[in-house]
Amino acid sequence: MVETSAKPITFASEGLSLEGVLHQPGSAPFAAAAVCHPHPLHGGDMNNYVVTALCQALAESGIAALRFNYRGVGGSEGKFGDGVGERADAAAALAHLRHLAEVTPGKVSIIGYSFGAAVALVAADRDVAAVAAISTPTFGRGVPELVIRCPTLLISGEQDQIAPVDGLAAMAHLIGPQCQVAIVRGADHFWWGQETKLAEVVAQFFRECLFGAAPSPSASGPDQP
């Protein structure tokens, strides 16, 4: 087991103080990723079990992971921003990681789960190194312009009852040829009992994108229906 650590942090977003937890590998320098949680009006926060599993898997892969509460959630200041404020919060998390001396320049990425997947996709700027969107919902106000130019993974459960997988192909086409889609058999929107497998698949994607690591022969990847 790779030694990791986790420490509480705060950072600013549009004048608001947001709380977060930074999961770090044992030694620096390291790549890093901001991790966006599910919808705050439906109980989502940075302690979501999928989010924490992702952060642990990334840290064990040599990638720091910053999970954080959007404005108005937990100890973060402000109130729900109807998606717009949360996009700004994710951008602020990326900026915070880029200013850390321990983080390798050009190796900052973003991940989101459920509502957080939509936030991650719209917050990803031209400088992100990789993007993973898990159980991506349909954009309620139409699909916004996406500026993603880096490797992107859209991964969902085959039985997702909230964000059906039917729309993933169109979203992948919108993002471009650097986007891949993975559908996991037997999983639904909540990944009950499968969050560890999901986290390893996502971590492997980031290892390949950031370090050029070959797929682990022991890693169980996503099944294609």
Protein backbone atom coordinates (compact mmCIF):
# COMPACT_ATOMS: atom_id res chain seq x y z
CA MET A 1 0.00 0.00 0.00
CA VAL A 2 1.36 3.39 -1.01
CA GLU A 3 1.64 5.80 1.91
CA THR A 4 -0.72 8.75 1.58
CA SER A 5 -1.92 11.62 3.74
CA ALA A 6 -4.97 13.87 3.88
CA LYS A 7 -5.15 17.38 5.31
CA PRO A 8 -7.96 19.95 5.59
CA ILE A 9 -7.45 23.11 3.54
CA THR A 10 -9.34 26.25 2.57
CA PHE A 11 -9.17 28.26 -0.64
CA ALA A 12 -11.00 31.23 -2.11
CA SER A 13 -13.66 31.29 -4.84
CA GLU A 14 -15.08 34.67 -5.87
CA GLY A 15 -14.42 36.07 -2.40
CA LEU A 16 -15.87 33.04 -0.59
CA SER A 17 -13.86 30.68 1.59
CA LEU A 18 -14.34 27.03 0.59
CA GLU A 19 -13.32 24.03 2.63
CA GLY A 20 -11.61 20.99 1.22
CA VAL A 21 -9.40 18.00 1.93
CA LEU A 22 -6.17 17.45 0.01
CA HIS A 23 -5.13 13.80 -0.37
CA GLN A 24 -1.41 13.58 -1.12
CA PRO A 25 0.95 10.82 -2.22
CA GLY A 26 3.95 10.11 -0.04
CA SER A 27 6.42 12.24 -1.96
CA ALA A 28 6.47 15.35 -4.16
CA PRO A 29 6.37 16.53 -6.86
CA PHE A 30 3.11 15.01 -8.01
CA ALA A 31 0.26 15.45 -10.47
CA ALA A 32 -3.07 16.57 -9.02
CA ALA A 33 -6.81 16.52 -9.65
CA ALA A 34 -9.79 18.48 -8.37
CA VAL A 35 -12.75 16.21 -7.53
CA CYS A 36 -16.30 17.64 -7.79
CA HIS A 37 -19.10 16.14 -5.69
CA PRO A 38 -22.79 15.44 -6.50
CA HIS A 39 -25.67 17.91 -6.28
CA PRO A 40 -25.70 19.78 -2.95
CA LEU A 41 -29.49 20.13 -2.93
CA HIS A 42 -29.76 16.32 -2.97
CA GLY A 43 -27.31 15.66 -0.17
CA GLY A 44 -24.08 15.76 -2.16
CA ASP A 45 -20.91 16.88 -0.45
CA MET A 46 -17.17 16.20 -0.44
CA ASN A 47 -17.65 13.22 1.93
CA ASN A 48 -19.66 11.26 -0.64
CA TYR A 49 -18.35 7.68 -0.66
CA VAL A 50 -17.64 7.69 -4.42
CA VAL A 51 -15.69 10.95 -4.08
CA THR A 52 -13.61 9.68 -1.17
CA ALA A 53 -12.89 6.37 -2.96
CA LEU A 54 -11.68 8.31 -6.00
CA CYS A 55 -9.40 10.50 -3.89
CA GLN A 56 -7.84 7.53 -2.10
CA ALA A 57 -7.23 5.64 -5.35
CA LEU A 58 -5.65 8.68 -6.98
CA ALA A 59 -3.35 9.37 -4.03
CA GLU A 60 -2.23 5.75 -4.02
CA SER A 61 -1.44 6.19 -7.74
CA GLY A 62 0.85 9.17 -7.06
CA ILE A 63 -1.77 11.82 -7.89
CA ALA A 64 -2.89 14.35 -5.29
CA ALA A 65 -6.68 14.77 -5.09
CA LEU A 66 -8.54 17.79 -3.80
CA ARG A 67 -12.15 17.16 -2.76
CA PHE A 68 -14.01 20.25 -1.68
CA ASN A 69 -17.43 21.54 -0.73
CA TYR A 70 -19.11 23.93 -3.14
CA ARG A 71 -20.31 27.25 -1.81
CA GLY A 72 -23.02 26.86 0.80
CA VAL A 73 -22.14 23.24 1.58
CA GLY A 74 -20.72 22.21 4.97
CA GLY A 75 -18.18 24.78 6.12
CA SER A 76 -17.95 26.56 2.75
CA GLU A 77 -19.29 30.10 2.65
CA GLY A 78 -22.07 31.36 0.37
CA LYS A 79 -25.15 29.66 -1.03
CA PHE A 80 -26.03 27.34 -3.90
CA GLY A 81 -24.99 28.92 -7.20
CA ASP A 82 -27.37 27.11 -9.60
CA GLY A 83 -24.43 25.45 -11.35
CA VAL A 84 -22.76 28.74 -12.29
CA GLY A 85 -21.26 29.30 -8.86
CA GLU A 86 -20.20 25.67 -8.63
CA ARG A 87 -18.38 25.99 -11.95
CA ALA A 88 -16.48 28.95 -10.46
CA ASP A 89 -15.70 26.88 -7.36
CA ALA A 90 -14.24 24.07 -9.50
CA ALA A 91 -12.16 26.59 -11.45
CA ALA A 92 -10.90 27.98 -8.14
CA ALA A 93 -9.93 24.46 -7.02
CA LEU A 94 -7.92 24.02 -10.22
CA ALA A 95 -6.22 27.37 -9.65
CA HIS A 96 -5.39 26.42 -6.07
CA LEU A 97 -3.73 23.19 -7.19
CA ARG A 98 -1.75 24.98 -9.88
CA HIS A 99 -0.29 27.34 -7.29
CA LEU A 100 0.96 24.56 -5.00
CA ALA A 101 4.74 24.20 -5.17
CA GLU A 102 4.45 20.40 -4.87
CA VAL A 103 2.28 20.05 -7.99
CA THR A 104 3.99 19.41 -11.31
CA PRO A 105 3.18 22.20 -13.80
CA GLY A 106 0.87 21.05 -16.57
CA LYS A 107 -0.30 17.98 -14.63
CA VAL A 108 -3.54 19.25 -13.10
CA SER A 109 -6.80 17.48 -13.99
CA ILE A 110 -10.45 17.44 -12.96
CA ILE A 111 -12.99 14.75 -12.07
CA GLY A 112 -16.68 14.95 -11.28
CA TYR A 113 -19.43 12.59 -10.20
CA SER A 114 -23.12 13.05 -11.11
CA PHE A 115 -23.90 16.80 -10.92
CA GLY A 116 -20.16 17.17 -10.30
CA ALA A 117 -19.48 15.53 -13.67
CA ALA A 118 -21.37 18.33 -15.44
CA VAL A 119 -19.50 20.87 -13.31
CA ALA A 120 -16.15 19.29 -14.19
CA LEU A 121 -16.89 19.27 -17.93
CA VAL A 122 -17.78 22.96 -18.06
CA ALA A 123 -15.00 23.99 -15.63
CA ALA A 124 -12.28 22.17 -17.59
CA ASP A 125 -10.16 24.82 -19.27
CA ARG A 126 -7.59 24.50 -22.03
CA ASP A 127 -4.83 23.77 -19.54
CA VAL A 128 -6.27 20.71 -17.81
CA ALA A 129 -4.32 17.52 -18.45
CA ALA A 130 -7.23 15.06 -18.28
CA VAL A 131 -10.94 14.94 -17.42
CA ALA A 132 -13.13 12.16 -16.03
CA ALA A 133 -16.91 12.56 -15.84
CA ILE A 134 -18.74 9.85 -13.89
CA SER A 135 -22.49 9.26 -14.29
CA THR A 136 -22.86 12.47 -16.27
CA PRO A 137 -26.39 13.92 -16.17
CA THR A 138 -28.08 15.68 -19.05
CA PHE A 139 -27.36 19.39 -19.06
CA GLY A 140 -30.64 21.02 -18.00
CA ARG A 141 -30.22 24.12 -20.15
CA GLY A 142 -28.73 22.59 -23.23
CA VAL A 143 -25.17 21.45 -23.74
CA PRO A 144 -22.80 24.39 -23.20
CA GLU A 145 -19.72 25.05 -25.27
CA LEU A 146 -16.95 22.79 -24.07
CA VAL A 147 -13.30 23.72 -24.51
CA ILE A 148 -11.84 20.36 -23.55
CA ARG A 149 -8.77 19.47 -25.61
CA CYS A 150 -7.27 16.79 -23.36
CA PRO A 151 -7.97 13.06 -22.89
CA THR A 152 -11.47 12.66 -21.46
CA LEU A 153 -13.26 9.68 -19.94
CA LEU A 154 -17.06 9.46 -19.72
CA ILE A 155 -17.89 6.50 -17.50
CA SER A 156 -21.35 5.40 -16.39
CA GLY A 157 -23.18 2.36 -15.08
CA GLU A 158 -25.20 0.37 -17.61
CA GLN A 159 -28.23 0.53 -15.29
CA ASP A 160 -27.99 4.25 -14.46
CA GLN A 161 -31.56 5.24 -13.68
CA ILE A 162 -30.89 8.97 -13.27
CA ALA A 163 -28.47 9.75 -16.10
CA PRO A 164 -29.17 7.14 -18.82
CA VAL A 165 -26.16 6.15 -20.90
CA ASP A 166 -27.99 6.79 -24.18
CA GLY A 167 -26.74 10.37 -24.34
CA LEU A 168 -23.07 9.62 -23.80
CA ALA A 169 -22.21 9.02 -27.45
CA ALA A 170 -23.51 12.46 -28.45
CA MET A 171 -21.61 14.10 -25.61
CA ALA A 172 -18.43 12.25 -26.58
CA HIS A 173 -18.85 13.46 -30.16
CA LEU A 174 -19.22 17.01 -28.89
CA ILE A 175 -16.00 16.74 -26.87
CA GLY A 176 -14.03 15.23 -29.74
CA PRO A 177 -11.89 12.23 -30.69
CA GLN A 178 -9.86 12.48 -27.48
CA CYS A 179 -12.94 11.34 -25.54
CA GLN A 180 -13.61 7.72 -24.65
CA VAL A 181 -16.79 6.20 -23.24
CA ALA A 182 -16.89 3.31 -20.78
CA ILE A 183 -20.07 1.55 -19.64
CA VAL A 184 -19.86 -0.70 -16.58
CA ARG A 185 -22.20 -3.69 -16.48
CA GLY A 186 -24.26 -4.13 -13.34
CA ALA A 187 -23.65 -0.60 -12.03
CA ASP A 188 -26.28 2.07 -11.53
CA HIS A 189 -26.03 5.79 -10.80
CA PHE A 190 -24.98 5.26 -7.18
CA TRP A 191 -22.26 2.62 -7.69
CA TRP A 192 -23.32 0.72 -4.56
CA GLY A 193 -20.59 -1.81 -3.81
CA GLN A 194 -18.70 -0.89 -6.97
CA GLU A 195 -17.12 2.41 -5.93
CA THR A 196 -13.71 0.78 -5.36
CA LYS A 197 -13.70 -0.77 -8.83
CA LEU A 198 -14.84 2.51 -10.35
CA ALA A 199 -12.10 4.41 -8.52
CA GLU A 200 -9.42 2.05 -9.79
CA VAL A 201 -10.64 2.33 -13.39
CA VAL A 202 -10.56 6.13 -13.16
CA ALA A 203 -7.15 6.11 -11.44
CA GLN A 204 -5.78 3.86 -14.18
CA PHE A 205 -7.09 6.28 -16.82
CA PHE A 206 -5.22 9.12 -15.10
CA ARG A 207 -2.04 7.06 -14.72
CA GLU A 208 -2.08 6.40 -18.46
CA CYS A 209 -2.83 10.05 -19.35
CA LEU A 210 -0.41 11.68 -16.93
CA PHE A 211 2.42 9.16 -16.70
CA GLY A 212 2.00 7.00 -19.79
CA ALA A 213 1.58 3.99 -17.51
CA ALA A 214 0.54 0.73 -19.13
CA PRO A 215 -2.72 -0.79 -17.90
CA SER A 216 -2.23 -2.99 -14.85
CA PRO A 217 -2.79 -6.67 -15.69
CA SER A 218 -4.57 -7.06 -12.35
CA ALA A 219 -6.83 -4.05 -12.74
CA SER A 220 -10.43 -4.83 -13.63
CA GLY A 221 -11.45 -2.38 -16.31
CA PRO A 222 -14.92 -1.39 -17.45
CA ASP A 223 -17.07 -3.87 -19.30
CA GLN A 224 -18.57 -2.88 -22.59
CA PRO A 225 -22.17 -3.94 -23.14
